Protein backbone atom coordinates (compact mmCIF):
# COMPACT_ATOMS: atom_id res chain seq x y z
CA MET A 1 146.78 41.40 144.41
CA LEU A 2 143.13 40.97 143.81
CA PHE A 3 140.69 43.83 143.12
CA LEU A 4 137.54 44.40 145.04
CA THR A 5 134.34 45.90 143.72
CA SER A 6 131.63 46.74 146.16
CA LEU A 7 128.09 47.62 145.10
CA LEU A 8 125.64 48.92 147.61
CA PHE A 9 122.02 49.86 146.87
CA SER A 10 119.50 51.66 148.95
CA TYR A 11 115.90 51.20 147.89
CA CYS A 12 114.48 53.69 150.30
CA LYS A 13 115.54 56.46 147.93
CA PRO A 14 116.88 56.11 144.37
CA ARG A 15 120.56 56.07 145.31
CA THR A 16 123.49 53.99 144.06
CA TYR A 17 126.81 53.63 145.87
CA PHE A 18 129.77 52.43 143.84
CA LEU A 19 133.20 51.49 145.16
CA CYS A 20 136.01 50.12 143.01
CA ILE A 21 139.37 49.11 144.46
CA THR A 22 141.99 48.16 141.89
CA ASN A 23 145.44 46.62 141.96
CA PRO A 24 148.05 49.40 141.81
CA SER A 25 150.58 47.19 139.99
CA ASN A 26 148.19 46.39 137.12
CA ARG A 27 145.88 49.41 137.06
CA GLU A 28 144.80 49.76 133.42
CA PRO A 29 142.87 46.45 132.83
CA LEU A 30 141.17 46.66 136.17
CA PHE A 31 140.18 50.29 135.48
CA LEU A 32 138.33 49.19 132.35
CA VAL A 33 136.44 46.60 134.38
CA CYS A 34 135.45 49.24 136.90
CA LYS A 35 134.26 51.55 134.13
CA LEU A 36 132.05 48.89 132.59
CA SER A 37 130.64 48.07 135.98
CA PHE A 38 129.82 51.71 136.56
CA LEU A 39 127.93 52.01 133.27
CA LEU A 40 125.91 48.94 134.16
CA LEU A 41 125.03 50.43 137.50
CA VAL A 42 123.88 53.68 135.91
CA GLN A 43 121.51 51.79 133.64
CA MET A 44 120.16 49.80 136.55
CA SER A 45 119.71 52.96 138.58
CA GLN A 46 117.67 54.60 135.83
CA GLN A 47 115.43 51.57 135.65
CA ILE A 48 114.98 51.64 139.38
CA GLN A 49 113.98 55.33 139.28
CA LYS A 50 111.20 54.61 136.80
CA THR A 51 109.54 52.15 139.14
CA THR A 52 108.56 53.03 142.69
CA ALA A 53 107.65 50.78 145.58
CA ASN A 54 103.97 51.01 144.56
CA GLY A 55 104.72 49.92 140.98
CA LYS A 56 103.96 53.33 139.38
CA GLU A 57 106.08 54.52 136.45
CA MET A 58 107.50 58.00 136.01
CA LEU A 59 106.60 60.03 132.92
CA SER A 60 108.79 60.20 129.88
CA ASN A 61 109.68 63.55 128.30
CA PRO A 62 106.65 64.90 126.40
CA ARG A 63 106.67 65.80 122.73
CA LEU A 64 105.08 68.98 121.37
CA LEU A 65 103.88 68.83 117.76
CA PRO A 66 101.53 70.88 115.54
CA LEU A 67 98.39 68.88 114.85
CA GLU A 68 98.29 70.12 111.25
CA GLY A 69 101.69 68.56 110.57
CA THR A 70 103.35 71.84 109.52
CA SER A 71 104.74 74.80 111.40
CA ASN A 72 103.85 77.28 108.65
CA VAL A 73 100.99 79.55 109.68
CA MET A 74 99.22 82.67 108.45
CA MET A 75 97.73 85.62 110.26
CA LYS A 76 94.31 84.93 111.87
CA GLN A 77 94.85 81.19 111.44
CA ASN A 78 93.69 78.72 114.12
CA VAL A 79 96.25 76.05 115.03
CA SER A 80 96.34 73.13 117.46
CA LEU A 81 99.33 71.86 119.44
CA SER A 82 99.55 68.29 120.73
CA CYS A 83 101.52 67.50 123.89
CA HIS A 84 101.83 63.82 124.87
CA VAL A 85 104.07 61.36 126.68
CA ASP A 86 104.99 57.86 125.49
CA SER A 87 105.13 56.25 128.92
CA GLY A 88 104.30 56.94 132.55
CA SER A 89 101.57 56.46 135.09
CA PRO A 90 98.37 58.52 134.70
CA PRO A 91 96.77 60.87 135.48
CA VAL A 92 98.83 63.45 133.57
CA ARG A 93 98.68 67.20 133.79
CA TYR A 94 99.85 69.15 130.68
CA THR A 95 100.85 72.83 130.77
CA LEU A 96 101.62 74.94 127.68
CA PHE A 97 104.15 77.80 127.84
CA LYS A 98 104.82 80.61 125.37
CA HIS A 99 108.09 82.49 125.89
CA ASN A 100 108.30 80.81 129.34
CA LYS A 101 104.88 82.19 130.29
CA LYS A 102 102.02 79.89 131.17
CA VAL A 103 99.27 79.78 128.54
CA SER A 104 96.94 76.94 129.50
CA THR A 105 96.70 73.71 131.55
CA LEU A 106 94.91 70.44 130.73
CA ASN A 107 94.33 67.35 132.89
CA ARG A 108 94.10 63.87 131.35
CA PRO A 109 93.01 60.73 133.27
CA ASP A 110 95.08 58.58 130.92
CA LEU A 111 97.98 59.00 128.50
CA THR A 112 95.93 60.67 125.76
CA PRO A 113 97.60 63.83 124.34
CA GLY A 114 96.70 67.28 125.54
CA LEU A 115 95.44 69.50 122.70
CA PHE A 116 95.92 73.26 122.89
CA ASN A 117 94.08 75.54 120.43
CA LEU A 118 95.67 78.85 119.43
CA THR A 119 94.99 81.76 117.07
CA ILE A 120 97.85 83.56 115.33
CA ASN A 121 96.97 87.23 115.75
CA SER A 122 100.43 88.80 115.70
CA GLU A 123 104.08 87.99 115.07
CA SER A 124 104.59 87.23 118.76
CA ASP A 125 102.16 84.31 118.49
CA VAL A 126 104.61 82.31 116.38
CA GLY A 127 106.43 81.11 119.50
CA GLU A 128 108.56 79.81 121.15
CA TYR A 129 106.28 77.14 122.73
CA LYS A 130 106.98 74.35 125.22
CA CYS A 131 104.81 71.95 127.25
CA LYS A 132 105.31 70.29 130.60
CA ALA A 133 103.92 66.91 131.71
CA GLU A 134 103.43 66.01 135.37
CA ASN A 135 101.98 63.13 137.38
CA ASN A 136 101.83 62.33 141.09
CA ILE A 137 105.32 60.83 141.29
CA THR A 138 107.29 63.15 138.96
CA ASN A 139 108.90 65.94 140.92
CA GLY A 140 109.02 69.18 138.89
CA GLY A 141 107.56 67.58 135.76
CA LYS A 142 109.15 66.88 132.41
CA TYR A 143 109.54 69.49 129.62
CA SER A 144 109.14 68.97 125.90
CA ASN A 145 111.06 70.22 122.93
CA SER A 146 110.71 73.82 121.73
CA LEU A 147 108.36 74.67 118.88
CA ARG A 148 108.24 77.85 116.81
CA PHE A 149 105.83 78.60 113.98
CA THR A 150 106.87 80.19 110.70
CA LEU A 151 104.60 83.04 109.69
CA ILE A 152 103.87 83.01 105.98
CA GLU A 153 102.14 85.90 104.22
CA PRO A 154 101.14 86.28 100.56
CA ILE A 155 103.54 88.52 98.72
CA SER A 156 102.42 91.75 97.10
CA LYS A 157 103.05 92.66 93.48
CA PRO A 158 106.75 93.44 93.13
CA VAL A 159 107.97 96.77 91.79
CA LEU A 160 110.66 96.80 89.10
CA SER A 161 112.68 100.03 88.92
CA SER A 162 116.04 101.51 87.94
CA LEU A 163 118.07 104.55 88.90
CA THR A 164 117.70 105.85 85.36
CA SER A 165 115.16 105.33 82.60
CA GLN A 166 117.54 106.53 79.86
CA ALA A 167 120.63 104.73 78.70
CA LYS A 168 122.97 104.69 75.75
CA LYS A 169 124.95 101.96 74.11
CA GLY A 170 127.93 100.82 76.12
CA GLN A 171 126.39 101.84 79.46
CA ASN A 172 125.95 99.71 82.58
CA VAL A 173 122.51 99.89 84.20
CA THR A 174 120.91 98.36 87.30
CA LEU A 175 117.48 96.81 87.79
CA SER A 176 115.96 96.27 91.24
CA CYS A 177 112.87 94.25 92.22
CA LEU A 178 111.10 94.45 95.61
CA SER A 179 107.89 93.14 97.21
CA VAL A 180 107.03 95.30 100.20
CA ASN A 181 104.71 92.66 101.71
CA GLY A 182 105.06 88.91 102.12
CA SER A 183 106.77 86.49 104.46
CA LEU A 184 110.48 85.94 104.06
CA PRO A 185 112.44 84.56 102.35
CA ILE A 186 111.36 85.84 98.92
CA THR A 187 112.84 84.54 95.67
CA TYR A 188 113.15 86.89 92.68
CA ILE A 189 113.77 86.13 88.99
CA PHE A 190 114.33 88.75 86.25
CA PHE A 191 112.99 88.49 82.69
CA LYS A 192 113.50 90.26 79.40
CA GLY A 193 110.38 89.64 77.42
CA LYS A 194 109.54 86.03 78.27
CA ARG A 195 113.16 84.92 78.66
CA SER A 196 114.80 84.59 82.06
CA ILE A 197 118.00 86.65 82.35
CA SER A 198 119.03 85.77 85.92
CA GLN A 199 119.33 82.94 88.37
CA PRO A 200 116.82 82.88 91.27
CA VAL A 201 117.84 85.47 93.86
CA LYS A 202 116.74 84.48 97.38
CA MET A 203 116.44 87.40 99.80
CA GLN A 204 116.35 86.67 103.54
CA LYS A 205 115.75 90.33 104.40
CA ARG A 206 113.25 92.92 103.21
CA GLU A 207 115.63 94.22 100.57
CA ALA A 208 115.44 94.59 96.80
CA ALA A 209 117.06 92.01 94.55
CA MET A 210 119.36 93.63 91.98
CA ILE A 211 120.98 92.68 88.69
CA PHE A 212 123.43 94.57 86.50
CA LEU A 213 122.97 94.88 82.74
CA PHE A 214 125.22 96.07 79.93
CA ILE A 215 123.46 97.92 77.10
CA ASN A 216 125.28 96.58 74.07
CA SER A 217 122.75 96.98 71.24
CA SER A 218 119.30 98.34 70.49
CA SER A 219 117.79 94.95 71.39
CA ASP A 220 118.80 95.58 75.02
CA PHE A 221 116.19 98.36 75.19
CA GLY A 222 113.47 95.73 75.54
CA THR A 223 110.71 95.13 78.06
CA TYR A 224 111.90 93.89 81.45
CA LYS A 225 109.92 92.25 84.27
CA CYS A 226 110.59 90.39 87.52
CA ARG A 227 108.80 87.62 89.40
CA ALA A 228 108.53 87.15 93.18
CA GLU A 229 107.46 84.10 95.17
CA ASN A 230 107.74 82.74 98.72
CA SER A 231 106.71 79.62 100.63
CA PHE A 232 103.04 80.56 100.40
CA ARG A 233 101.42 78.12 97.99
CA ASN A 234 100.25 79.30 94.57
CA ASN A 235 101.35 82.85 95.25
CA THR A 236 103.58 83.99 92.40
CA LYS A 237 103.43 87.65 91.40
CA TYR A 238 104.88 89.49 88.37
CA SER A 239 106.01 93.10 88.41
CA ASN A 240 105.27 96.03 86.16
CA SER A 241 106.99 96.35 82.78
CA PHE A 242 110.08 98.54 82.51
CA ASN A 243 111.73 99.94 79.36
CA PHE A 244 114.92 101.88 78.89
CA THR A 245 114.90 104.91 76.56
CA LEU A 246 117.78 105.51 74.19
CA ALA A 247 119.51 108.65 75.45
CA GLU A 248 121.08 109.38 72.01
CA GLU A 249 117.70 110.36 70.58
CA ARG A 250 117.77 113.62 72.50
CA ARG A 251 121.48 114.22 72.48
CA HIS A 252 121.51 116.68 69.49
CA SER A 253 118.27 118.54 70.07
CA GLN A 254 119.04 119.50 73.62
CA PRO A 255 122.33 121.36 72.92
CA LEU A 256 120.66 123.08 69.97
CA ILE A 257 117.93 124.46 72.19
CA ILE A 258 120.50 125.62 74.71
CA SER A 259 122.50 127.37 71.97
CA LEU A 260 119.43 129.17 70.66
CA VAL A 261 118.53 130.36 74.13
CA LEU A 262 122.06 131.67 74.69
CA ILE A 263 122.07 133.50 71.34
CA LEU A 264 118.72 135.09 72.10
CA LEU A 265 119.96 136.12 75.52
CA LEU A 266 123.09 137.71 74.07
CA PHE A 267 120.98 139.59 71.52
CA VAL A 268 118.75 141.01 74.25
CA ILE A 269 121.77 142.08 76.31
CA GLY A 270 123.39 143.70 73.29
CA PHE A 271 120.19 145.56 72.42
CA ALA A 272 119.86 146.77 76.00
CA LEU A 273 123.43 148.07 75.94
CA ALA A 274 122.94 149.79 72.58
CA ILE A 275 119.99 151.88 73.80
CA PRO A 276 121.94 154.30 76.05
CA PHE A 277 125.10 154.35 73.95
CA PHE A 278 123.87 154.51 70.35
CA ILE A 279 120.13 154.84 69.88
CA ILE A 280 119.45 157.66 72.36
CA PRO A 281 122.39 159.88 71.21
CA SER A 282 121.45 159.34 67.56
CA TYR A 283 117.84 160.27 68.25
CA LYS A 284 118.90 163.43 70.09
CA ALA A 285 121.21 164.47 67.24
CA LYS A 286 118.47 164.11 64.65
CA LYS A 287 116.05 166.07 66.79
CA PHE A 288 118.59 168.87 67.28
CA LYS A 289 119.31 169.19 63.55
CA SER A 290 115.62 169.43 62.75
CA THR A 291 115.24 172.43 65.10
CA ARG A 292 118.26 174.38 63.68
CA PRO A 293 117.89 177.01 60.80
CA SER A 294 118.31 175.78 57.31
CA ALA A 295 121.86 175.77 55.98
CA GLY A 296 120.72 177.47 52.73
CA LEU A 297 120.75 181.33 52.74
CA THR A 298 117.52 182.82 51.41
CA SER A 299 116.02 186.23 51.46
CA THR A 300 113.22 186.75 53.92
CA MET A 301 111.98 189.93 52.35
CA ASN A 302 110.60 190.84 49.03
CA ALA A 303 113.35 191.88 46.66
CA GLU A 304 111.27 194.82 45.57
CA GLU A 305 111.56 196.50 48.97
CA ALA A 306 113.93 199.44 49.55
CA GLU A 307 117.59 198.54 49.27
CA ASP A 308 118.75 200.89 51.98
CA ASP A 309 116.94 199.07 54.78
CA VAL A 310 119.12 196.28 56.30
CA ILE A 311 117.70 193.81 58.82
CA TYR A 312 120.09 191.75 60.98
CA ALA A 313 119.02 188.46 62.37
CA GLU A 314 119.86 187.73 65.96
CA ILE A 315 122.37 184.94 66.34
CA GLU A 316 122.09 182.69 69.34
CA PRO A 317 125.44 181.28 70.34
CA VAL A 318 125.41 177.51 70.34
CA LYS A 319 128.88 176.04 70.41
CA PRO A 320 132.37 177.29 69.70
CA GLU A 321 132.45 175.81 66.26
CA GLU A 322 132.11 177.00 62.70
CA GLU A 323 128.55 177.56 61.63
CA TYR A 324 126.66 179.36 58.95
CA ILE A 325 123.86 181.89 59.52
CA ASN A 326 121.47 183.79 57.30
CA ILE A 327 121.98 187.53 56.91
CA SER A 328 119.35 189.20 54.80
CA VAL A 329 120.32 192.42 53.01
CA ILE A 330 117.43 194.22 51.39
CA ARG A 331 117.94 197.04 48.94
CA ARG A 332 115.07 199.41 48.10
CA GLU A 333 114.39 200.54 44.59
CA ASP A 334 114.91 204.13 43.52
CA GLU A 335 111.79 205.77 42.47
CA GLU A 336 113.39 206.75 39.23
CA GLU A 337 115.32 203.64 38.51
CA LYS A 338 114.55 200.13 39.37
CA ARG A 339 117.29 197.65 39.92
CA THR A 340 117.28 194.03 40.79
CA CYS A 341 118.06 193.25 44.46
CA ALA A 342 120.73 190.75 45.24
CA THR A 343 121.28 188.55 48.30
CA VAL A 344 124.71 188.64 49.83
CA TYR A 345 126.01 185.61 51.84
CA SER A 346 128.49 186.05 54.61
CA LYS A 347 130.45 183.61 56.72
CA ALA A 348 130.35 184.18 60.42
CA LEU A 349 132.68 182.66 62.98
CA ILE A 350 131.61 182.40 66.59
CA ARG A 351 134.40 182.46 69.19
CA ASP A 352 134.26 182.42 72.94
């Protein structure tokens, strides 16, 4: 059986009717012929849509490009966007959109590009931008590609720091470098003296770049620095200098000071405890002995006084213990015969 292909065109509106009847017994080769015919019709239909009955051509899709040739911008910078079509019938009306909101409209009597001037005042001004081109025969217009600017900002001087400024041999330490200002990404490199000690570290976020060091010898206690740079031209900044201090230099003096303080504290506590238990009782005992009568027994009267008069001293009871007291015995001389007076000592026991 033969196959039949019927092509019908209607020029009143851009329509294409396609009918392909194939032989059921030999379907595959005829199907390929139908497919090729369909592709040809599609191409012809597109060409027909570009040309109307009056001979006017529809617009091609516009292209949106930065006039400066780069999408990198800075704050407060003036930029220009060009929107143009390659083909189509003028006049052309161009409309610029930012985040799907209309910004400005330009009319051109020919196919010259529409130029839109902008000022980057904030981060929202970086985009996304699109433009639309319309003429009298293009229904709905044609939209361009999307365009987004990249905001670049000079970086600030980076800060090099560490969790500790003291280290000892055999210790692992960390160095971190951060620029708080500047457009991302930022690339950091670490140095010891003038020698690089790390590969470039590219940070896509506002975070510090870090490296880990092992303090192996005294030469590792050198001067460290870091360098930061971004896409902003001729904007490389170096950080402050950072040095580690050898922790062993203070290792012996610090325990010695602590020991001396503890010894002094113990001495003060001991002295404070000795006052009520030893010093005060000893002082009271000495004061009491100084107020008691002398242990030696002496005569309180002249030996030449009469021997018959005896004076007894009053004894004040103190404690039930053995004590000695003075008893003075005075003998008077006889008028006829004088004799030497003697002092007699007696031992007195006081009992309760």
